Amino acid sequence: MSELSSKQRRQLKALAHGLSVSVQVGNAGITEGVIESVECALAAHELIKVKVGQGSELDRKAGAAALAKATNSQVATVIGRVWVLYRADLEDPQISLV
């Protein structure tokens, strides 16, 4: 999977603006349950929001990168405690990146 260009990141950020949070990361951090939930959400939607709870000690960018690596997705953006992850559906893509 190639890196997202800045133009593609902007496009994904705009598409994610109206989305609700799909997965919450709690105090335990990135657990197998969180990874499974993200996998399911990405399979269904391609673009999701993940919210990190207040009590979590995860570093924002490192945590987002670790979760993206674990789910074979890409970090579109990190805004505060919200991460936007993207993984294209190879069989039936819903999002066409520029």
PDB file of N, CA and C in Angstrom:
ATOM      1  N   MET A   1       0.857  -1.182   0.000  1.00  0.00           N
ATOM      2  CA  MET A   1       0.000   0.000   0.000  1.00  0.00           C
ATOM      3  C   MET A   1       0.896   1.236   0.000  1.00  0.00           C
ATOM      4  N   SER A   2       0.713   2.097  -0.957  1.00  0.00           N
ATOM      5  CA  SER A   2       1.543   3.290  -1.058  1.00  0.00           C
ATOM      6  C   SER A   2       1.091   4.358  -0.068  1.00  0.00           C
ATOM      7  N   GLU A   3       2.012   5.258   0.221  1.00  0.00           N
ATOM      8  CA  GLU A   3       1.703   6.364   1.125  1.00  0.00           C
ATOM      9  C   GLU A   3       0.633   7.271   0.526  1.00  0.00           C
ATOM     10  N   LEU A   4      -0.164   7.849   1.392  1.00  0.00           N
ATOM     11  CA  LEU A   4      -1.179   8.807   0.939  1.00  0.00           C
ATOM     12  C   LEU A   4      -0.512  10.142   0.651  1.00  0.00           C
ATOM     13  N   SER A   5      -0.897  10.777  -0.430  1.00  0.00           N
ATOM     14  CA  SER A   5      -0.392  12.114  -0.726  1.00  0.00           C
ATOM     15  C   SER A   5      -1.142  13.123   0.141  1.00  0.00           C
ATOM     16  N   SER A   6      -0.637  14.334   0.208  1.00  0.00           N
ATOM     17  CA  SER A   6      -1.312  15.360   1.012  1.00  0.00           C
ATOM     18  C   SER A   6      -2.699  15.665   0.448  1.00  0.00           C
ATOM     19  N   LYS A   7      -2.825  15.596  -0.867  1.00  0.00           N
ATOM     20  CA  LYS A   7      -4.127  15.833  -1.501  1.00  0.00           C
ATOM     21  C   LYS A   7      -5.119  14.723  -1.119  1.00  0.00           C
ATOM     22  N   GLN A   8      -4.648  13.479  -1.090  1.00  0.00           N
ATOM     23  CA  GLN A   8      -5.505  12.361  -0.701  1.00  0.00           C
ATOM     24  C   GLN A   8      -5.887  12.459   0.777  1.00  0.00           C
ATOM     25  N   ARG A   9      -4.940  12.867   1.619  1.00  0.00           N
ATOM     26  CA  ARG A   9      -5.238  13.045   3.049  1.00  0.00           C
ATOM     27  C   ARG A   9      -6.324  14.112   3.246  1.00  0.00           C
ATOM     28  N   ARG A  10      -6.222  15.210   2.509  1.00  0.00           N
ATOM     29  CA  ARG A  10      -7.240  16.268   2.592  1.00  0.00           C
ATOM     30  C   ARG A  10      -8.600  15.736   2.179  1.00  0.00           C
ATOM     31  N   GLN A  11      -8.623  14.948   1.096  1.00  0.00           N
ATOM     32  CA  GLN A  11      -9.878  14.378   0.613  1.00  0.00           C
ATOM     33  C   GLN A  11     -10.484  13.452   1.677  1.00  0.00           C
ATOM     34  N   LEU A  12      -9.668  12.596   2.275  1.00  0.00           N
ATOM     35  CA  LEU A  12     -10.167  11.671   3.297  1.00  0.00           C
ATOM     36  C   LEU A  12     -10.619  12.417   4.543  1.00  0.00           C
ATOM     37  N   LYS A  13      -9.897  13.451   4.914  1.00  0.00           N
ATOM     38  CA  LYS A  13     -10.269  14.256   6.083  1.00  0.00           C
ATOM     39  C   LYS A  13     -11.631  14.903   5.859  1.00  0.00           C
ATOM     40  N   ALA A  14     -11.867  15.396   4.651  1.00  0.00           N
ATOM     41  CA  ALA A  14     -13.161  16.018   4.327  1.00  0.00           C
ATOM     42  C   ALA A  14     -14.277  14.975   4.365  1.00  0.00           C
ATOM     43  N   LEU A  15     -14.016  13.781   3.835  1.00  0.00           N
ATOM     44  CA  LEU A  15     -15.020  12.722   3.852  1.00  0.00           C
ATOM     45  C   LEU A  15     -15.320  12.257   5.279  1.00  0.00           C
ATOM     46  N   ALA A  16     -14.312  12.280   6.131  1.00  0.00           N
ATOM     47  CA  ALA A  16     -14.477  11.803   7.509  1.00  0.00           C
ATOM     48  C   ALA A  16     -15.194  12.807   8.390  1.00  0.00           C
ATOM     49  N   HIS A  17     -15.263  14.047   7.964  1.00  0.00           N
ATOM     50  CA  HIS A  17     -15.851  15.098   8.795  1.00  0.00           C
ATOM     51  C   HIS A  17     -17.241  14.735   9.318  1.00  0.00           C
ATOM     52  N   GLY A  18     -18.073  14.170   8.487  1.00  0.00           N
ATOM     53  CA  GLY A  18     -19.437  13.856   8.888  1.00  0.00           C
ATOM     54  C   GLY A  18     -19.622  12.483   9.513  1.00  0.00           C
ATOM     55  N   LEU A  19     -18.538  11.711   9.634  1.00  0.00           N
ATOM     56  CA  LEU A  19     -18.641  10.365  10.186  1.00  0.00           C
ATOM     57  C   LEU A  19     -18.747  10.371  11.705  1.00  0.00           C
ATOM     58  N   SER A  20     -19.412   9.355  12.228  1.00  0.00           N
ATOM     59  CA  SER A  20     -19.434   9.130  13.668  1.00  0.00           C
ATOM     60  C   SER A  20     -18.253   8.241  14.030  1.00  0.00           C
ATOM     61  N   VAL A  21     -17.901   8.240  15.307  1.00  0.00           N
ATOM     62  CA  VAL A  21     -16.817   7.390  15.787  1.00  0.00           C
ATOM     63  C   VAL A  21     -17.248   5.932  15.679  1.00  0.00           C
ATOM     64  N   SER A  22     -16.403   5.093  15.080  1.00  0.00           N
ATOM     65  CA  SER A  22     -16.714   3.676  14.891  1.00  0.00           C
ATOM     66  C   SER A  22     -16.173   2.810  16.021  1.00  0.00           C
ATOM     67  N   VAL A  23     -14.997   3.162  16.541  1.00  0.00           N
ATOM     68  CA  VAL A  23     -14.330   2.348  17.559  1.00  0.00           C
ATOM     69  C   VAL A  23     -13.770   3.261  18.639  1.00  0.00           C
ATOM     70  N   GLN A  24     -13.858   2.808  19.899  1.00  0.00           N
ATOM     71  CA  GLN A  24     -13.287   3.547  21.021  1.00  0.00           C
ATOM     72  C   GLN A  24     -12.113   2.769  21.590  1.00  0.00           C
ATOM     73  N   VAL A  25     -11.026   3.455  21.894  1.00  0.00           N
ATOM     74  CA  VAL A  25      -9.863   2.845  22.541  1.00  0.00           C
ATOM     75  C   VAL A  25      -9.910   3.285  24.004  1.00  0.00           C
ATOM     76  N   GLY A  26      -9.921   2.311  24.899  1.00  0.00           N
ATOM     77  CA  GLY A  26     -10.025   2.618  26.331  1.00  0.00           C
ATOM     78  C   GLY A  26      -8.676   2.668  27.026  1.00  0.00           C
ATOM     79  N   ASN A  27      -8.711   2.579  28.361  1.00  0.00           N
ATOM     80  CA  ASN A  27      -7.500   2.654  29.186  1.00  0.00           C
ATOM     81  C   ASN A  27      -6.511   1.540  28.892  1.00  0.00           C
ATOM     82  N   ALA A  28      -7.012   0.392  28.436  1.00  0.00           N
ATOM     83  CA  ALA A  28      -6.139  -0.750  28.154  1.00  0.00           C
ATOM     84  C   ALA A  28      -5.320  -0.544  26.887  1.00  0.00           C
ATOM     85  N   GLY A  29      -5.640   0.459  26.096  1.00  0.00           N
ATOM     86  CA  GLY A  29      -4.883   0.748  24.883  1.00  0.00           C
ATOM     87  C   GLY A  29      -5.339  -0.092  23.703  1.00  0.00           C
ATOM     88  N   ILE A  30      -4.418  -0.398  22.831  1.00  0.00           N
ATOM     89  CA  ILE A  30      -4.735  -1.147  21.612  1.00  0.00           C
ATOM     90  C   ILE A  30      -4.691  -2.641  21.934  1.00  0.00           C
ATOM     91  N   THR A  31      -5.856  -3.200  22.186  1.00  0.00           N
ATOM     92  CA  THR A  31      -5.985  -4.610  22.531  1.00  0.00           C
ATOM     93  C   THR A  31      -6.419  -5.407  21.303  1.00  0.00           C
ATOM     94  N   GLU A  32      -6.436  -6.721  21.433  1.00  0.00           N
ATOM     95  CA  GLU A  32      -6.909  -7.573  20.339  1.00  0.00           C
ATOM     96  C   GLU A  32      -8.352  -7.225  19.981  1.00  0.00           C
ATOM     97  N   GLY A  33      -9.169  -6.914  20.989  1.00  0.00           N
ATOM     98  CA  GLY A  33     -10.564  -6.539  20.748  1.00  0.00           C
ATOM     99  C   GLY A  33     -10.684  -5.269  19.923  1.00  0.00           C
ATOM    100  N   VAL A  34      -9.835  -4.297  20.217  1.00  0.00           N
ATOM    101  CA  VAL A  34      -9.829  -3.047  19.457  1.00  0.00           C
ATOM    102  C   VAL A  34      -9.410  -3.321  18.013  1.00  0.00           C
ATOM    103  N   ILE A  35      -8.381  -4.129  17.843  1.00  0.00           N
ATOM    104  CA  ILE A  35      -7.901  -4.456  16.490  1.00  0.00           C
ATOM    105  C   ILE A  35      -8.990  -5.163  15.697  1.00  0.00           C
ATOM    106  N   GLU A  36      -9.674  -6.121  16.328  1.00  0.00           N
ATOM    107  CA  GLU A  36     -10.765  -6.837  15.652  1.00  0.00           C
ATOM    108  C   GLU A  36     -11.897  -5.880  15.266  1.00  0.00           C
ATOM    109  N   SER A  37     -12.254  -4.976  16.167  1.00  0.00           N
ATOM    110  CA  SER A  37     -13.314  -4.005  15.891  1.00  0.00           C
ATOM    111  C   SER A  37     -12.947  -3.095  14.732  1.00  0.00           C
ATOM    112  N   VAL A  38     -11.699  -2.650  14.707  1.00  0.00           N
ATOM    113  CA  VAL A  38     -11.226  -1.787  13.624  1.00  0.00           C
ATOM    114  C   VAL A  38     -11.229  -2.560  12.301  1.00  0.00           C
ATOM    115  N   GLU A  39     -10.792  -3.810  12.334  1.00  0.00           N
ATOM    116  CA  GLU A  39     -10.806  -4.648  11.123  1.00  0.00           C
ATOM    117  C   GLU A  39     -12.223  -4.736  10.550  1.00  0.00           C
ATOM    118  N   CYS A  40     -13.193  -5.020  11.414  1.00  0.00           N
ATOM    119  CA  CYS A  40     -14.587  -5.141  10.961  1.00  0.00           C
ATOM    120  C   CYS A  40     -15.105  -3.821  10.403  1.00  0.00           C
ATOM    121  N   ALA A  41     -14.813  -2.726  11.099  1.00  0.00           N
ATOM    122  CA  ALA A  41     -15.289  -1.413  10.664  1.00  0.00           C
ATOM    123  C   ALA A  41     -14.665  -1.021   9.329  1.00  0.00           C
ATOM    124  N   LEU A  42     -13.382  -1.285   9.151  1.00  0.00           N
ATOM    125  CA  LEU A  42     -12.711  -0.962   7.887  1.00  0.00           C
ATOM    126  C   LEU A  42     -13.241  -1.816   6.745  1.00  0.00           C
ATOM    127  N   ALA A  43     -13.534  -3.072   7.025  1.00  0.00           N
ATOM    128  CA  ALA A  43     -14.085  -3.956   5.992  1.00  0.00           C
ATOM    129  C   ALA A  43     -15.448  -3.455   5.523  1.00  0.00           C
ATOM    130  N   ALA A  44     -16.197  -2.874   6.436  1.00  0.00           N
ATOM    131  CA  ALA A  44     -17.536  -2.389   6.100  1.00  0.00           C
ATOM    132  C   ALA A  44     -17.524  -0.984   5.495  1.00  0.00           C
ATOM    133  N   HIS A  45     -16.595  -0.129   5.916  1.00  0.00           N
ATOM    134  CA  HIS A  45     -16.700   1.292   5.560  1.00  0.00           C
ATOM    135  C   HIS A  45     -15.497   1.919   4.866  1.00  0.00           C
ATOM    136  N   GLU A  46     -14.345   1.290   4.853  1.00  0.00           N
ATOM    137  CA  GLU A  46     -13.106   1.822   4.272  1.00  0.00           C
ATOM    138  C   GLU A  46     -12.511   2.988   5.056  1.00  0.00           C
ATOM    139  N   LEU A  47     -13.325   3.903   5.526  1.00  0.00           N
ATOM    140  CA  LEU A  47     -12.862   5.095   6.235  1.00  0.00           C
ATOM    141  C   LEU A  47     -13.580   5.166   7.568  1.00  0.00           C
ATOM    142  N   ILE A  48     -12.817   5.176   8.667  1.00  0.00           N
ATOM    143  CA  ILE A  48     -13.450   5.181   9.995  1.00  0.00           C
ATOM    144  C   ILE A  48     -12.766   6.182  10.924  1.00  0.00           C
ATOM    145  N   LYS A  49     -13.488   6.519  11.994  1.00  0.00           N
ATOM    146  CA  LYS A  49     -12.929   7.326  13.063  1.00  0.00           C
ATOM    147  C   LYS A  49     -12.751   6.439  14.290  1.00  0.00           C
ATOM    148  N   VAL A  50     -11.617   6.602  14.947  1.00  0.00           N
ATOM    149  CA  VAL A  50     -11.315   5.898  16.182  1.00  0.00           C
ATOM    150  C   VAL A  50     -11.069   6.959  17.245  1.00  0.00           C
ATOM    151  N   LYS A  51     -11.743   6.832  18.386  1.00  0.00           N
ATOM    152  CA  LYS A  51     -11.572   7.814  19.455  1.00  0.00           C
ATOM    153  C   LYS A  51     -10.830   7.181  20.626  1.00  0.00           C
ATOM    154  N   VAL A  52      -9.864   7.908  21.160  1.00  0.00           N
ATOM    155  CA  VAL A  52      -9.084   7.449  22.302  1.00  0.00           C
ATOM    156  C   VAL A  52      -9.677   8.069  23.560  1.00  0.00           C
ATOM    157  N   GLY A  53      -9.960   7.229  24.547  1.00  0.00           N
ATOM    158  CA  GLY A  53     -10.560   7.696  25.798  1.00  0.00           C
ATOM    159  C   GLY A  53      -9.632   8.604  26.585  1.00  0.00           C
ATOM    160  N   GLN A  54     -10.226   9.399  27.463  1.00  0.00           N
ATOM    161  CA  GLN A  54      -9.479  10.370  28.266  1.00  0.00           C
ATOM    162  C   GLN A  54      -8.401   9.726  29.132  1.00  0.00           C
ATOM    163  N   GLY A  55      -8.671   8.534  29.681  1.00  0.00           N
ATOM    164  CA  GLY A  55      -7.735   7.903  30.603  1.00  0.00           C
ATOM    165  C   GLY A  55      -6.584   7.187  29.933  1.00  0.00           C
ATOM    166  N   SER A  56      -6.588   7.107  28.619  1.00  0.00           N
ATOM    167  CA  SER A  56      -5.552   6.364  27.909  1.00  0.00           C
ATOM    168  C   SER A  56      -4.244   7.150  27.882  1.00  0.00           C
ATOM    169  N   GLU A  57      -3.141   6.420  28.066  1.00  0.00           N
ATOM    170  CA  GLU A  57      -1.817   7.038  28.065  1.00  0.00           C
ATOM    171  C   GLU A  57      -1.129   6.941  26.701  1.00  0.00           C
ATOM    172  N   LEU A  58      -1.866   6.490  25.681  1.00  0.00           N
ATOM    173  CA  LEU A  58      -1.286   6.332  24.343  1.00  0.00           C
ATOM    174  C   LEU A  58      -0.820   7.661  23.769  1.00  0.00           C
ATOM    175  N   ASP A  59       0.343   7.632  23.140  1.00  0.00           N
ATOM    176  CA  ASP A  59       0.796   8.782  22.360  1.00  0.00           C
ATOM    177  C   ASP A  59      -0.084   8.858  21.120  1.00  0.00           C
ATOM    178  N   ARG A  60      -0.577  10.040  20.809  1.00  0.00           N
ATOM    179  CA  ARG A  60      -1.537  10.198  19.709  1.00  0.00           C
ATOM    180  C   ARG A  60      -1.033   9.639  18.393  1.00  0.00           C
ATOM    181  N   LYS A  61       0.088  10.114  17.934  1.00  0.00           N
ATOM    182  CA  LYS A  61       0.572   9.725  16.611  1.00  0.00           C
ATOM    183  C   LYS A  61       1.146   8.309  16.611  1.00  0.00           C
ATOM    184  N   ALA A  62       1.885   7.945  17.642  1.00  0.00           N
ATOM    185  CA  ALA A  62       2.458   6.596  17.707  1.00  0.00           C
ATOM    186  C   ALA A  62       1.346   5.551  17.826  1.00  0.00           C
ATOM    187  N   GLY A  63       0.322   5.851  18.613  1.00  0.00           N
ATOM    188  CA  GLY A  63      -0.804   4.928  18.764  1.00  0.00           C
ATOM    189  C   GLY A  63      -1.556   4.745  17.461  1.00  0.00           C
ATOM    190  N   ALA A  64      -1.787   5.828  16.759  1.00  0.00           N
ATOM    191  CA  ALA A  64      -2.482   5.761  15.468  1.00  0.00           C
ATOM    192  C   ALA A  64      -1.660   4.941  14.471  1.00  0.00           C
ATOM    193  N   ALA A  65      -0.356   5.162  14.452  1.00  0.00           N
ATOM    194  CA  ALA A  65       0.520   4.424  13.540  1.00  0.00           C
ATOM    195  C   ALA A  65       0.541   2.934  13.888  1.00  0.00           C
ATOM    196  N   ALA A  66       0.565   2.618  15.179  1.00  0.00           N
ATOM    197  CA  ALA A  66       0.583   1.214  15.607  1.00  0.00           C
ATOM    198  C   ALA A  66      -0.713   0.509  15.218  1.00  0.00           C
ATOM    199  N   LEU A  67      -1.841   1.180  15.409  1.00  0.00           N
ATOM    200  CA  LEU A  67      -3.127   0.591  15.056  1.00  0.00           C
ATOM    201  C   LEU A  67      -3.247   0.425  13.535  1.00  0.00           C
ATOM    202  N   ALA A  68      -2.762   1.405  12.792  1.00  0.00           N
ATOM    203  CA  ALA A  68      -2.791   1.310  11.332  1.00  0.00           C
ATOM    204  C   ALA A  68      -1.940   0.133  10.857  1.00  0.00           C
ATOM    205  N   LYS A  69      -0.780  -0.040  11.460  1.00  0.00           N
ATOM    206  CA  LYS A  69       0.098  -1.145  11.076  1.00  0.00           C
ATOM    207  C   LYS A  69      -0.562  -2.487  11.409  1.00  0.00           C
ATOM    208  N   ALA A  70      -1.204  -2.586  12.573  1.00  0.00           N
ATOM    209  CA  ALA A  70      -1.840  -3.831  13.003  1.00  0.00           C
ATOM    210  C   ALA A  70      -3.033  -4.203  12.122  1.00  0.00           C
ATOM    211  N   THR A  71      -3.656  -3.209  11.501  1.00  0.00           N
ATOM    212  CA  THR A  71      -4.848  -3.462  10.690  1.00  0.00           C
ATOM    213  C   THR A  71      -4.586  -3.297   9.194  1.00  0.00           C
ATOM    214  N   ASN A  72      -3.314  -3.093   8.824  1.00  0.00           N
ATOM    215  CA  ASN A  72      -2.935  -2.906   7.421  1.00  0.00           C
ATOM    216  C   ASN A  72      -3.728  -1.751   6.780  1.00  0.00           C
ATOM    217  N   SER A  73      -3.857  -0.674   7.533  1.00  0.00           N
ATOM    218  CA  SER A  73      -4.561   0.513   7.039  1.00  0.00           C
ATOM    219  C   SER A  73      -3.596   1.695   7.066  1.00  0.00           C
ATOM    220  N   GLN A  74      -4.110   2.879   6.758  1.00  0.00           N
ATOM    221  CA  GLN A  74      -3.290   4.085   6.760  1.00  0.00           C
ATOM    222  C   GLN A  74      -3.950   5.158   7.612  1.00  0.00           C
ATOM    223  N   VAL A  75      -3.129   5.950   8.258  1.00  0.00           N
ATOM    224  CA  VAL A  75      -3.630   7.067   9.053  1.00  0.00           C
ATOM    225  C   VAL A  75      -3.872   8.234   8.105  1.00  0.00           C
ATOM    226  N   ALA A  76      -5.141   8.648   8.000  1.00  0.00           N
ATOM    227  CA  ALA A  76      -5.460   9.798   7.156  1.00  0.00           C
ATOM    228  C   ALA A  76      -5.160  11.085   7.912  1.00  0.00           C
ATOM    229  N   THR A  77      -5.516  11.107   9.203  1.00  0.00           N
ATOM    230  CA  THR A  77      -5.252  12.282  10.026  1.00  0.00           C
ATOM    231  C   THR A  77      -5.418  11.928  11.498  1.00  0.00           C
ATOM    232  N   VAL A  78      -4.802  12.742  12.347  1.00  0.00           N
ATOM    233  CA  VAL A  78      -4.972  12.649  13.797  1.00  0.00           C
ATOM    234  C   VAL A  78      -5.403  14.033  14.259  1.00  0.00           C
ATOM    235  N   ILE A  79      -6.610  14.104  14.834  1.00  0.00           N
ATOM    236  CA  ILE A  79      -7.139  15.376  15.323  1.00  0.00           C
ATOM    237  C   ILE A  79      -7.495  15.195  16.790  1.00  0.00           C
ATOM    238  N   GLY A  80      -6.670  15.753  17.663  1.00  0.00           N
ATOM    239  CA  GLY A  80      -6.921  15.579  19.091  1.00  0.00           C
ATOM    240  C   GLY A  80      -6.892  14.110  19.462  1.00  0.00           C
ATOM    241  N   ARG A  81      -7.984  13.623  20.045  1.00  0.00           N
ATOM    242  CA  ARG A  81      -8.075  12.219  20.442  1.00  0.00           C
ATOM    243  C   ARG A  81      -8.787  11.361  19.396  1.00  0.00           C
ATOM    244  N   VAL A  82      -8.950  11.892  18.193  1.00  0.00           N
ATOM    245  CA  VAL A  82      -9.629  11.152  17.122  1.00  0.00           C
ATOM    246  C   VAL A  82      -8.637  10.843  16.004  1.00  0.00           C
ATOM    247  N   TRP A  83      -8.620   9.555  15.640  1.00  0.00           N
ATOM    248  CA  TRP A  83      -7.787   9.100  14.528  1.00  0.00           C
ATOM    249  C   TRP A  83      -8.703   8.728  13.382  1.00  0.00           C
ATOM    250  N   VAL A  84      -8.316   9.079  12.166  1.00  0.00           N
ATOM    251  CA  VAL A  84      -9.074   8.685  10.977  1.00  0.00           C
ATOM    252  C   VAL A  84      -8.209   7.683  10.212  1.00  0.00           C
ATOM    253  N   LEU A  85      -8.744   6.461  10.065  1.00  0.00           N
ATOM    254  CA  LEU A  85      -8.026   5.388   9.377  1.00  0.00           C
ATOM    255  C   LEU A  85      -8.715   5.054   8.065  1.00  0.00           C
ATOM    256  N   TYR A  86      -7.894   4.682   7.089  1.00  0.00           N
ATOM    257  CA  TYR A  86      -8.409   4.356   5.753  1.00  0.00           C
ATOM    258  C   TYR A  86      -7.769   3.069   5.265  1.00  0.00           C
ATOM    259  N   ARG A  87      -8.590   2.183   4.716  1.00  0.00           N
ATOM    260  CA  ARG A  87      -8.098   0.997   4.030  1.00  0.00           C
ATOM    261  C   ARG A  87      -9.034   0.734   2.860  1.00  0.00           C
ATOM    262  N   ALA A  88      -8.482   0.794   1.659  1.00  0.00           N
ATOM    263  CA  ALA A  88      -9.293   0.597   0.453  1.00  0.00           C
ATOM    264  C   ALA A  88      -9.803  -0.839   0.388  1.00  0.00           C
ATOM    265  N   ASP A  89     -11.038  -0.988  -0.044  1.00  0.00           N
ATOM    266  CA  ASP A  89     -11.614  -2.304  -0.309  1.00  0.00           C
ATOM    267  C   ASP A  89     -11.184  -2.679  -1.719  1.00  0.00           C
ATOM    268  N   LEU A  90     -10.363  -3.712  -1.840  1.00  0.00           N
ATOM    269  CA  LEU A  90      -9.798  -4.070  -3.140  1.00  0.00           C
ATOM    270  C   LEU A  90     -10.842  -4.628  -4.102  1.00  0.00           C
ATOM    271  N   GLU A  91     -11.887  -5.276  -3.576  1.00  0.00           N
ATOM    272  CA  GLU A  91     -12.903  -5.874  -4.438  1.00  0.00           C
ATOM    273  C   GLU A  91     -13.985  -4.894  -4.870  1.00  0.00           C
ATOM    274  N   ASP A  92     -14.412  -4.037  -3.949  1.00  0.00           N
ATOM    275  CA  ASP A  92     -15.503  -3.103  -4.238  1.00  0.00           C
ATOM    276  C   ASP A  92     -15.222  -1.748  -3.581  1.00  0.00           C
ATOM    277  N   PRO A  93     -14.257  -0.974  -4.110  1.00  0.00           N
ATOM    278  CA  PRO A  93     -13.925   0.312  -3.485  1.00  0.00           C
ATOM    279  C   PRO A  93     -15.083   1.316  -3.537  1.00  0.00           C
ATOM    280  N   GLN A  94     -15.343   1.941  -2.413  1.00  0.00           N
ATOM    281  CA  GLN A  94     -16.395   2.943  -2.312  1.00  0.00           C
ATOM    282  C   GLN A  94     -15.834   4.355  -2.436  1.00  0.00           C
ATOM    283  N   ILE A  95     -14.554   4.498  -2.111  1.00  0.00           N
ATOM    284  CA  ILE A  95     -13.902   5.804  -2.137  1.00  0.00           C
ATOM    285  C   ILE A  95     -12.867   5.815  -3.259  1.00  0.00           C
ATOM    286  N   SER A  96     -12.956   6.817  -4.118  1.00  0.00           N
ATOM    287  CA  SER A  96     -12.007   6.964  -5.207  1.00  0.00           C
ATOM    288  C   SER A  96     -11.065   8.118  -4.881  1.00  0.00           C
ATOM    289  N   LEU A  97      -9.825   7.802  -4.592  1.00  0.00           N
ATOM    290  CA  LEU A  97      -8.857   8.838  -4.244  1.00  0.00           C
ATOM    291  C   LEU A  97      -8.316   9.530  -5.490  1.00  0.00           C
ATOM    292  N   VAL A  98      -8.057  10.824  -5.343  1.00  0.00           N
ATOM    293  CA  VAL A  98      -7.509  11.611  -6.455  1.00  0.00           C
ATOM    294  C   VAL A  98      -6.000  11.468  -6.502  1.00  0.00           C
TER     295      VAL A  98
END
